[in-house]
Amino acid sequence: MIIVKIIFCLILPPVAALLQVGVSTHFWINLLLFLLGGVPGMIHAFWLVFSNQKPQ
């Protein structure tokens, strides 16, 4: 499952954030970062996946 999340981090970061933490504050932050430029959303999604954040 981690490979799928990493692929989504590259293609569509909000989906990776959704898979990792569900609909939570981190998902909305990631969506906003993605809409503001893409790369910040990717970085945030990678951080969520690799730090193994859990749903709040």
C-alpha atoms as a PDB file:
ATOM      1  CA  MET A   1       0.000   0.000   0.000  1.00  0.00           C
ATOM      2  CA  ILE A   2       2.938   2.322   0.637  1.00  0.00           C
ATOM      3  CA  ILE A   3       3.935   2.128  -3.051  1.00  0.00           C
ATOM      4  CA  VAL A   4       0.431   3.240  -4.093  1.00  0.00           C
ATOM      5  CA  LYS A   5       0.598   6.185  -1.684  1.00  0.00           C
ATOM      6  CA  ILE A   6       4.018   7.216  -3.015  1.00  0.00           C
ATOM      7  CA  ILE A   7       2.703   7.126  -6.591  1.00  0.00           C
ATOM      8  CA  PHE A   8      -0.268   9.269  -5.547  1.00  0.00           C
ATOM      9  CA  CYS A   9       2.146  11.676  -3.815  1.00  0.00           C
ATOM     10  CA  LEU A  10       3.700  12.323  -7.196  1.00  0.00           C
ATOM     11  CA  ILE A  11       0.535  12.402  -9.302  1.00  0.00           C
ATOM     12  CA  LEU A  12      -2.235  13.704  -7.044  1.00  0.00           C
ATOM     13  CA  PRO A  13      -1.040  14.561  -3.519  1.00  0.00           C
ATOM     14  CA  PRO A  14      -4.493  15.191  -1.966  1.00  0.00           C
ATOM     15  CA  VAL A  15      -5.446  11.574  -2.752  1.00  0.00           C
ATOM     16  CA  ALA A  16      -2.333  10.350  -0.945  1.00  0.00           C
ATOM     17  CA  ALA A  17      -3.201  12.559   2.036  1.00  0.00           C
ATOM     18  CA  LEU A  18      -6.765  11.250   1.995  1.00  0.00           C
ATOM     19  CA  LEU A  19      -5.568   7.644   1.985  1.00  0.00           C
ATOM     20  CA  GLN A  20      -3.136   8.335   4.817  1.00  0.00           C
ATOM     21  CA  VAL A  21      -5.163  10.486   7.249  1.00  0.00           C
ATOM     22  CA  GLY A  22      -8.732  10.512   5.930  1.00  0.00           C
ATOM     23  CA  VAL A  23     -10.780  13.702   5.810  1.00  0.00           C
ATOM     24  CA  SER A  24      -8.943  15.627   8.498  1.00  0.00           C
ATOM     25  CA  THR A  25      -7.101  18.898   8.901  1.00  0.00           C
ATOM     26  CA  HIS A  26      -4.037  17.496   7.140  1.00  0.00           C
ATOM     27  CA  PHE A  27      -6.125  16.603   4.095  1.00  0.00           C
ATOM     28  CA  TRP A  28      -7.530  20.138   3.800  1.00  0.00           C
ATOM     29  CA  ILE A  29      -4.073  21.674   4.281  1.00  0.00           C
ATOM     30  CA  ASN A  30      -2.715  19.408   1.565  1.00  0.00           C
ATOM     31  CA  LEU A  31      -5.546  20.295  -0.801  1.00  0.00           C
ATOM     32  CA  LEU A  32      -4.886  24.004  -0.266  1.00  0.00           C
ATOM     33  CA  LEU A  33      -1.137  23.578  -0.776  1.00  0.00           C
ATOM     34  CA  PHE A  34      -1.749  21.570  -3.949  1.00  0.00           C
ATOM     35  CA  LEU A  35      -4.066  24.229  -5.363  1.00  0.00           C
ATOM     36  CA  LEU A  36      -1.535  26.958  -4.545  1.00  0.00           C
ATOM     37  CA  GLY A  37       1.286  25.381  -6.491  1.00  0.00           C
ATOM     38  CA  GLY A  38       1.452  21.621  -6.616  1.00  0.00           C
ATOM     39  CA  VAL A  39       4.976  21.112  -5.303  1.00  0.00           C
ATOM     40  CA  PRO A  40       4.163  22.199  -1.718  1.00  0.00           C
ATOM     41  CA  GLY A  41       1.295  19.703  -1.775  1.00  0.00           C
ATOM     42  CA  MET A  42       3.682  16.968  -2.923  1.00  0.00           C
ATOM     43  CA  ILE A  43       6.127  17.754  -0.131  1.00  0.00           C
ATOM     44  CA  HIS A  44       3.349  17.722   2.455  1.00  0.00           C
ATOM     45  CA  ALA A  45       1.963  14.437   1.124  1.00  0.00           C
ATOM     46  CA  PHE A  46       5.409  12.818   1.253  1.00  0.00           C
ATOM     47  CA  TRP A  47       5.799  14.075   4.820  1.00  0.00           C
ATOM     48  CA  LEU A  48       2.447  12.565   5.791  1.00  0.00           C
ATOM     49  CA  VAL A  49       3.248   9.197   4.228  1.00  0.00           C
ATOM     50  CA  PHE A  50       6.835   8.873   5.449  1.00  0.00           C
ATOM     51  CA  SER A  51       6.176  10.140   8.978  1.00  0.00           C
ATOM     52  CA  ASN A  52       3.354   7.572   9.152  1.00  0.00           C
ATOM     53  CA  GLN A  53       0.717  10.065  10.310  1.00  0.00           C
ATOM     54  CA  LYS A  54      -2.484   8.464  11.517  1.00  0.00           C
ATOM     55  CA  PRO A  55      -6.051   9.811  11.302  1.00  0.00           C
ATOM     56  CA  GLN A  56      -6.802  12.334  14.009  1.00  0.00           C
END
